[in-house]
Amino acid sequence: MPTNFDNTPWLATRNQRVRINCFCSITHLPIWANIGVVSGISLDKTLTQMNKKNIQVYRILVDFGDGKIASILPRILKRV
């Protein structure tokens, strides 16, 4: 089954350095302006069930250095 990161498989690589490509200080946490490190992936069961294209929707787990793991859709991430 296709996934939402098939075009960017490097996103699923642990220790990959990433940054949010459309950072907005109003909607994103300030720490997310930093470079983050991919720590894993997580299947988003709700979005997978909601999409009508039969695509498994994953979130990328990113550590931005604040001790918490952010769960971010791959579409808004870019490689650093």
PDB file of N, CA and C in Angstrom:
ATOM      1  N   MET A   1       0.852  -1.184   0.000  1.00  0.00           N
ATOM      2  CA  MET A   1       0.000   0.000   0.000  1.00  0.00           C
ATOM      3  C   MET A   1       0.898   1.247   0.000  1.00  0.00           C
ATOM      4  N   PRO A   2       0.582   2.227  -0.816  1.00  0.00           N
ATOM      5  CA  PRO A   2       1.389   3.448  -0.867  1.00  0.00           C
ATOM      6  C   PRO A   2       1.314   4.230   0.449  1.00  0.00           C
ATOM      7  N   THR A   3       2.329   5.058   0.677  1.00  0.00           N
ATOM      8  CA  THR A   3       2.367   5.894   1.876  1.00  0.00           C
ATOM      9  C   THR A   3       2.481   7.362   1.480  1.00  0.00           C
ATOM     10  N   ASN A   4       2.322   8.230   2.450  1.00  0.00           N
ATOM     11  CA  ASN A   4       2.411   9.666   2.185  1.00  0.00           C
ATOM     12  C   ASN A   4       3.856  10.170   2.154  1.00  0.00           C
ATOM     13  N   PHE A   5       4.841   9.281   2.296  1.00  0.00           N
ATOM     14  CA  PHE A   5       6.225   9.718   2.159  1.00  0.00           C
ATOM     15  C   PHE A   5       6.983   8.899   1.111  1.00  0.00           C
ATOM     16  N   ASP A   6       6.263   8.264   0.189  1.00  0.00           N
ATOM     17  CA  ASP A   6       6.906   7.480  -0.872  1.00  0.00           C
ATOM     18  C   ASP A   6       7.855   8.325  -1.724  1.00  0.00           C
ATOM     19  N   ASN A   7       7.532   9.582  -1.950  1.00  0.00           N
ATOM     20  CA  ASN A   7       8.381  10.445  -2.773  1.00  0.00           C
ATOM     21  C   ASN A   7       9.580  10.996  -2.007  1.00  0.00           C
ATOM     22  N   THR A   8       9.575  10.850  -0.693  1.00  0.00           N
ATOM     23  CA  THR A   8      10.672  11.327   0.147  1.00  0.00           C
ATOM     24  C   THR A   8      11.043  10.254   1.172  1.00  0.00           C
ATOM     25  N   PRO A   9      11.543   9.103   0.713  1.00  0.00           N
ATOM     26  CA  PRO A   9      11.830   8.001   1.636  1.00  0.00           C
ATOM     27  C   PRO A   9      12.888   8.328   2.677  1.00  0.00           C
ATOM     28  N   TRP A  10      13.743   9.302   2.417  1.00  0.00           N
ATOM     29  CA  TRP A  10      14.766   9.690   3.384  1.00  0.00           C
ATOM     30  C   TRP A  10      14.150  10.187   4.692  1.00  0.00           C
ATOM     31  N   LEU A  11      12.873  10.625   4.655  1.00  0.00           N
ATOM     32  CA  LEU A  11      12.213  11.101   5.874  1.00  0.00           C
ATOM     33  C   LEU A  11      12.056  10.014   6.927  1.00  0.00           C
ATOM     34  N   ALA A  12      12.015   8.783   6.506  1.00  0.00           N
ATOM     35  CA  ALA A  12      11.823   7.684   7.451  1.00  0.00           C
ATOM     36  C   ALA A  12      13.148   7.178   8.016  1.00  0.00           C
ATOM     37  N   THR A  13      14.227   7.896   7.760  1.00  0.00           N
ATOM     38  CA  THR A  13      15.548   7.485   8.215  1.00  0.00           C
ATOM     39  C   THR A  13      15.869   8.120   9.559  1.00  0.00           C
ATOM     40  N   ARG A  14      16.146   7.272  10.549  1.00  0.00           N
ATOM     41  CA  ARG A  14      16.526   7.792  11.873  1.00  0.00           C
ATOM     42  C   ARG A  14      17.777   8.657  11.754  1.00  0.00           C
ATOM     43  N   ASN A  15      17.835   9.667  12.590  1.00  0.00           N
ATOM     44  CA  ASN A  15      18.954  10.605  12.688  1.00  0.00           C
ATOM     45  C   ASN A  15      19.068  11.549  11.494  1.00  0.00           C
ATOM     46  N   GLN A  16      18.089  11.519  10.587  1.00  0.00           N
ATOM     47  CA  GLN A  16      18.050  12.480   9.479  1.00  0.00           C
ATOM     48  C   GLN A  16      17.749  13.857  10.060  1.00  0.00           C
ATOM     49  N   ARG A  17      18.496  14.864   9.666  1.00  0.00           N
ATOM     50  CA  ARG A  17      18.264  16.232  10.143  1.00  0.00           C
ATOM     51  C   ARG A  17      17.229  16.897   9.239  1.00  0.00           C
ATOM     52  N   VAL A  18      16.213  17.490   9.858  1.00  0.00           N
ATOM     53  CA  VAL A  18      15.109  18.102   9.114  1.00  0.00           C
ATOM     54  C   VAL A  18      14.755  19.465   9.699  1.00  0.00           C
ATOM     55  N   ARG A  19      14.010  20.188   8.912  1.00  0.00           N
ATOM     56  CA  ARG A  19      13.498  21.496   9.340  1.00  0.00           C
ATOM     57  C   ARG A  19      12.101  21.644   8.758  1.00  0.00           C
ATOM     58  N   ILE A  20      11.250  22.388   9.421  1.00  0.00           N
ATOM     59  CA  ILE A  20       9.913  22.664   8.898  1.00  0.00           C
ATOM     60  C   ILE A  20      10.060  23.668   7.762  1.00  0.00           C
ATOM     61  N   ASN A  21       9.498  23.335   6.583  1.00  0.00           N
ATOM     62  CA  ASN A  21       9.702  24.185   5.409  1.00  0.00           C
ATOM     63  C   ASN A  21       8.710  25.339   5.312  1.00  0.00           C
ATOM     64  N   CYS A  22       7.735  25.370   6.176  1.00  0.00           N
ATOM     65  CA  CYS A  22       6.756  26.463   6.144  1.00  0.00           C
ATOM     66  C   CYS A  22       6.472  26.926   7.570  1.00  0.00           C
ATOM     67  N   PHE A  23       7.539  27.213   8.310  1.00  0.00           N
ATOM     68  CA  PHE A  23       7.393  27.580   9.718  1.00  0.00           C
ATOM     69  C   PHE A  23       6.547  28.845   9.864  1.00  0.00           C
ATOM     70  N   CYS A  24       5.600  28.763  10.780  1.00  0.00           N
ATOM     71  CA  CYS A  24       4.715  29.896  11.081  1.00  0.00           C
ATOM     72  C   CYS A  24       4.694  30.076  12.594  1.00  0.00           C
ATOM     73  N   SER A  25       5.166  31.219  13.069  1.00  0.00           N
ATOM     74  CA  SER A  25       5.264  31.447  14.512  1.00  0.00           C
ATOM     75  C   SER A  25       3.906  31.489  15.199  1.00  0.00           C
ATOM     76  N   ILE A  26       2.839  31.640  14.433  1.00  0.00           N
ATOM     77  CA  ILE A  26       1.498  31.675  15.021  1.00  0.00           C
ATOM     78  C   ILE A  26       0.975  30.265  15.288  1.00  0.00           C
ATOM     79  N   THR A  27       1.221  29.339  14.369  1.00  0.00           N
ATOM     80  CA  THR A  27       0.649  27.993  14.501  1.00  0.00           C
ATOM     81  C   THR A  27       1.630  26.933  14.984  1.00  0.00           C
ATOM     82  N   HIS A  28       2.939  27.190  14.899  1.00  0.00           N
ATOM     83  CA  HIS A  28       3.930  26.202  15.320  1.00  0.00           C
ATOM     84  C   HIS A  28       4.610  26.628  16.614  1.00  0.00           C
ATOM     85  N   LEU A  29       5.073  25.648  17.361  1.00  0.00           N
ATOM     86  CA  LEU A  29       5.822  25.937  18.579  1.00  0.00           C
ATOM     87  C   LEU A  29       7.138  26.616  18.219  1.00  0.00           C
ATOM     88  N   PRO A  30       7.612  27.575  19.012  1.00  0.00           N
ATOM     89  CA  PRO A  30       8.861  28.281  18.692  1.00  0.00           C
ATOM     90  C   PRO A  30      10.057  27.337  18.524  1.00  0.00           C
ATOM     91  N   ILE A  31      10.116  26.266  19.299  1.00  0.00           N
ATOM     92  CA  ILE A  31      11.237  25.314  19.221  1.00  0.00           C
ATOM     93  C   ILE A  31      11.301  24.651  17.846  1.00  0.00           C
ATOM     94  N   TRP A  32      10.172  24.588  17.135  1.00  0.00           N
ATOM     95  CA  TRP A  32      10.126  23.948  15.819  1.00  0.00           C
ATOM     96  C   TRP A  32      10.865  24.754  14.755  1.00  0.00           C
ATOM     97  N   ALA A  33      11.302  25.958  15.072  1.00  0.00           N
ATOM     98  CA  ALA A  33      12.109  26.735  14.136  1.00  0.00           C
ATOM     99  C   ALA A  33      13.525  26.176  14.049  1.00  0.00           C
ATOM    100  N   ASN A  34      13.903  25.372  15.040  1.00  0.00           N
ATOM    101  CA  ASN A  34      15.235  24.760  15.071  1.00  0.00           C
ATOM    102  C   ASN A  34      15.327  23.578  14.117  1.00  0.00           C
ATOM    103  N   ILE A  35      16.537  23.098  13.932  1.00  0.00           N
ATOM    104  CA  ILE A  35      16.749  21.862  13.183  1.00  0.00           C
ATOM    105  C   ILE A  35      16.378  20.705  14.102  1.00  0.00           C
ATOM    106  N   GLY A  36      15.634  19.735  13.562  1.00  0.00           N
ATOM    107  CA  GLY A  36      15.231  18.566  14.325  1.00  0.00           C
ATOM    108  C   GLY A  36      15.884  17.311  13.793  1.00  0.00           C
ATOM    109  N   VAL A  37      15.793  16.242  14.576  1.00  0.00           N
ATOM    110  CA  VAL A  37      16.364  14.951  14.201  1.00  0.00           C
ATOM    111  C   VAL A  37      15.239  13.918  14.195  1.00  0.00           C
ATOM    112  N   VAL A  38      15.120  13.190  13.085  1.00  0.00           N
ATOM    113  CA  VAL A  38      14.080  12.167  12.967  1.00  0.00           C
ATOM    114  C   VAL A  38      14.390  11.027  13.931  1.00  0.00           C
ATOM    115  N   SER A  39      13.380  10.652  14.728  1.00  0.00           N
ATOM    116  CA  SER A  39      13.562   9.550  15.670  1.00  0.00           C
ATOM    117  C   SER A  39      12.705   8.335  15.314  1.00  0.00           C
ATOM    118  N   GLY A  40      11.820   8.469  14.324  1.00  0.00           N
ATOM    119  CA  GLY A  40      10.999   7.338  13.900  1.00  0.00           C
ATOM    120  C   GLY A  40       9.790   7.804  13.103  1.00  0.00           C
ATOM    121  N   ILE A  41       8.870   6.860  12.864  1.00  0.00           N
ATOM    122  CA  ILE A  41       7.621   7.161  12.177  1.00  0.00           C
ATOM    123  C   ILE A  41       6.472   6.545  12.954  1.00  0.00           C
ATOM    124  N   SER A  42       5.278   7.064  12.711  1.00  0.00           N
ATOM    125  CA  SER A  42       4.093   6.566  13.396  1.00  0.00           C
ATOM    126  C   SER A  42       2.912   6.601  12.430  1.00  0.00           C
ATOM    127  N   LEU A  43       2.189   5.494  12.335  1.00  0.00           N
ATOM    128  CA  LEU A  43       1.006   5.430  11.486  1.00  0.00           C
ATOM    129  C   LEU A  43      -0.115   6.253  12.112  1.00  0.00           C
ATOM    130  N   ASP A  44      -0.692   7.166  11.335  1.00  0.00           N
ATOM    131  CA  ASP A  44      -1.832   7.964  11.782  1.00  0.00           C
ATOM    132  C   ASP A  44      -3.084   7.234  11.298  1.00  0.00           C
ATOM    133  N   LYS A  45      -3.667   6.450  12.182  1.00  0.00           N
ATOM    134  CA  LYS A  45      -4.810   5.617  11.800  1.00  0.00           C
ATOM    135  C   LYS A  45      -6.021   6.448  11.392  1.00  0.00           C
ATOM    136  N   THR A  46      -6.224   7.571  12.039  1.00  0.00           N
ATOM    137  CA  THR A  46      -7.380   8.412  11.723  1.00  0.00           C
ATOM    138  C   THR A  46      -7.271   8.985  10.313  1.00  0.00           C
ATOM    139  N   LEU A  47      -6.125   9.584   9.972  1.00  0.00           N
ATOM    140  CA  LEU A  47      -5.958  10.140   8.631  1.00  0.00           C
ATOM    141  C   LEU A  47      -5.916   9.055   7.565  1.00  0.00           C
ATOM    142  N   THR A  48      -5.387   7.888   7.906  1.00  0.00           N
ATOM    143  CA  THR A  48      -5.371   6.769   6.954  1.00  0.00           C
ATOM    144  C   THR A  48      -6.795   6.362   6.610  1.00  0.00           C
ATOM    145  N   GLN A  49      -7.669   6.294   7.605  1.00  0.00           N
ATOM    146  CA  GLN A  49      -9.064   5.921   7.362  1.00  0.00           C
ATOM    147  C   GLN A  49      -9.820   7.024   6.620  1.00  0.00           C
ATOM    148  N   MET A  50      -9.449   8.273   6.846  1.00  0.00           N
ATOM    149  CA  MET A  50     -10.172   9.398   6.248  1.00  0.00           C
ATOM    150  C   MET A  50      -9.836   9.632   4.780  1.00  0.00           C
ATOM    151  N   ASN A  51      -8.601   9.307   4.369  1.00  0.00           N
ATOM    152  CA  ASN A  51      -8.241   9.608   2.984  1.00  0.00           C
ATOM    153  C   ASN A  51      -8.936   8.635   2.051  1.00  0.00           C
ATOM    154  N   LYS A  52      -9.247   9.099   0.884  1.00  0.00           N
ATOM    155  CA  LYS A  52     -10.009   8.302  -0.089  1.00  0.00           C
ATOM    156  C   LYS A  52      -9.118   7.734  -1.185  1.00  0.00           C
ATOM    157  N   LYS A  53      -7.789   7.826  -1.004  1.00  0.00           N
ATOM    158  CA  LYS A  53      -6.847   7.376  -2.026  1.00  0.00           C
ATOM    159  C   LYS A  53      -6.161   6.062  -1.675  1.00  0.00           C
ATOM    160  N   ASN A  54      -6.608   5.422  -0.602  1.00  0.00           N
ATOM    161  CA  ASN A  54      -6.021   4.158  -0.158  1.00  0.00           C
ATOM    162  C   ASN A  54      -4.517   4.304   0.121  1.00  0.00           C
ATOM    163  N   ILE A  55      -4.164   5.382   0.821  1.00  0.00           N
ATOM    164  CA  ILE A  55      -2.773   5.665   1.181  1.00  0.00           C
ATOM    165  C   ILE A  55      -2.635   5.567   2.698  1.00  0.00           C
ATOM    166  N   GLN A  56      -1.562   4.892   3.144  1.00  0.00           N
ATOM    167  CA  GLN A  56      -1.274   4.869   4.572  1.00  0.00           C
ATOM    168  C   GLN A  56      -0.602   6.187   4.932  1.00  0.00           C
ATOM    169  N   VAL A  57      -1.179   6.903   5.894  1.00  0.00           N
ATOM    170  CA  VAL A  57      -0.670   8.209   6.287  1.00  0.00           C
ATOM    171  C   VAL A  57       0.178   8.050   7.548  1.00  0.00           C
ATOM    172  N   TYR A  58       1.433   8.449   7.414  1.00  0.00           N
ATOM    173  CA  TYR A  58       2.369   8.381   8.538  1.00  0.00           C
ATOM    174  C   TYR A  58       2.739   9.779   8.996  1.00  0.00           C
ATOM    175  N   ARG A  59       3.132   9.871  10.241  1.00  0.00           N
ATOM    176  CA  ARG A  59       3.701  11.091  10.800  1.00  0.00           C
ATOM    177  C   ARG A  59       5.159  10.791  11.115  1.00  0.00           C
ATOM    178  N   ILE A  60       5.989  11.779  10.920  1.00  0.00           N
ATOM    179  CA  ILE A  60       7.405  11.652  11.215  1.00  0.00           C
ATOM    180  C   ILE A  60       7.625  12.154  12.641  1.00  0.00           C
ATOM    181  N   LEU A  61       8.302  11.365  13.451  1.00  0.00           N
ATOM    182  CA  LEU A  61       8.590  11.734  14.832  1.00  0.00           C
ATOM    183  C   LEU A  61       9.922  12.472  14.853  1.00  0.00           C
ATOM    184  N   VAL A  62       9.888  13.717  15.329  1.00  0.00           N
ATOM    185  CA  VAL A  62      11.067  14.589  15.267  1.00  0.00           C
ATOM    186  C   VAL A  62      11.395  15.125  16.661  1.00  0.00           C
ATOM    187  N   ASP A  63      12.687  15.065  16.999  1.00  0.00           N
ATOM    188  CA  ASP A  63      13.185  15.633  18.254  1.00  0.00           C
ATOM    189  C   ASP A  63      13.841  16.970  17.930  1.00  0.00           C
ATOM    190  N   PHE A  64      13.246  18.055  18.439  1.00  0.00           N
ATOM    191  CA  PHE A  64      13.790  19.390  18.204  1.00  0.00           C
ATOM    192  C   PHE A  64      14.698  19.849  19.344  1.00  0.00           C
ATOM    193  N   GLY A  65      14.972  18.959  20.283  1.00  0.00           N
ATOM    194  CA  GLY A  65      15.909  19.273  21.351  1.00  0.00           C
ATOM    195  C   GLY A  65      15.294  19.782  22.631  1.00  0.00           C
ATOM    196  N   ASP A  66      13.978  19.731  22.749  1.00  0.00           N
ATOM    197  CA  ASP A  66      13.333  20.226  23.959  1.00  0.00           C
ATOM    198  C   ASP A  66      12.882  19.098  24.887  1.00  0.00           C
ATOM    199  N   GLY A  67      13.290  17.864  24.580  1.00  0.00           N
ATOM    200  CA  GLY A  67      12.919  16.727  25.414  1.00  0.00           C
ATOM    201  C   GLY A  67      11.585  16.105  25.050  1.00  0.00           C
ATOM    202  N   LYS A  68      10.896  16.680  24.077  1.00  0.00           N
ATOM    203  CA  LYS A  68       9.615  16.146  23.620  1.00  0.00           C
ATOM    204  C   LYS A  68       9.766  15.721  22.157  1.00  0.00           C
ATOM    205  N   ILE A  69       8.957  14.756  21.745  1.00  0.00           N
ATOM    206  CA  ILE A  69       8.980  14.292  20.360  1.00  0.00           C
ATOM    207  C   ILE A  69       7.763  14.865  19.643  1.00  0.00           C
ATOM    208  N   ALA A  70       8.007  15.589  18.556  1.00  0.00           N
ATOM    209  CA  ALA A  70       6.932  16.167  17.752  1.00  0.00           C
ATOM    210  C   ALA A  70       6.489  15.146  16.702  1.00  0.00           C
ATOM    211  N   SER A  71       5.209  15.104  16.417  1.00  0.00           N
ATOM    212  CA  SER A  71       4.633  14.212  15.415  1.00  0.00           C
ATOM    213  C   SER A  71       4.156  15.082  14.255  1.00  0.00           C
ATOM    214  N   ILE A  72       4.895  15.023  13.121  1.00  0.00           N
ATOM    215  CA  ILE A  72       4.687  15.985  12.038  1.00  0.00           C
ATOM    216  C   ILE A  72       4.427  15.260  10.726  1.00  0.00           C
ATOM    217  N   LEU A  73       3.487  15.766   9.945  1.00  0.00           N
ATOM    218  CA  LEU A  73       3.239  15.207   8.622  1.00  0.00           C
ATOM    219  C   LEU A  73       4.446  15.477   7.714  1.00  0.00           C
ATOM    220  N   PRO A  74       4.850  14.489   6.930  1.00  0.00           N
ATOM    221  CA  PRO A  74       6.060  14.622   6.111  1.00  0.00           C
ATOM    222  C   PRO A  74       6.037  15.777   5.115  1.00  0.00           C
ATOM    223  N   ARG A  75       4.883  16.140   4.660  1.00  0.00           N
ATOM    224  CA  ARG A  75       4.760  17.171   3.617  1.00  0.00           C
ATOM    225  C   ARG A  75       5.380  18.504   4.033  1.00  0.00           C
ATOM    226  N   ILE A  76       5.423  18.808   5.331  1.00  0.00           N
ATOM    227  CA  ILE A  76       5.949  20.105   5.746  1.00  0.00           C
ATOM    228  C   ILE A  76       7.399  20.042   6.208  1.00  0.00           C
ATOM    229  N   LEU A  77       8.075  18.926   5.980  1.00  0.00           N
ATOM    230  CA  LEU A  77       9.470  18.802   6.372  1.00  0.00           C
ATOM    231  C   LEU A  77      10.401  18.846   5.179  1.00  0.00           C
ATOM    232  N   LYS A  78      11.595  19.375   5.395  1.00  0.00           N
ATOM    233  CA  LYS A  78      12.632  19.352   4.363  1.00  0.00           C
ATOM    234  C   LYS A  78      13.938  18.904   5.013  1.00  0.00           C
ATOM    235  N   ARG A  79      14.800  18.339   4.201  1.00  0.00           N
ATOM    236  CA  ARG A  79      16.098  17.868   4.668  1.00  0.00           C
ATOM    237  C   ARG A  79      17.021  19.075   4.846  1.00  0.00           C
ATOM    238  N   VAL A  80      17.835  19.023   5.884  1.00  0.00           N
ATOM    239  CA  VAL A  80      18.788  20.116   6.140  1.00  0.00           C
ATOM    240  C   VAL A  80      20.140  19.737   5.578  1.00  0.00           C
TER     241      VAL A  80
END
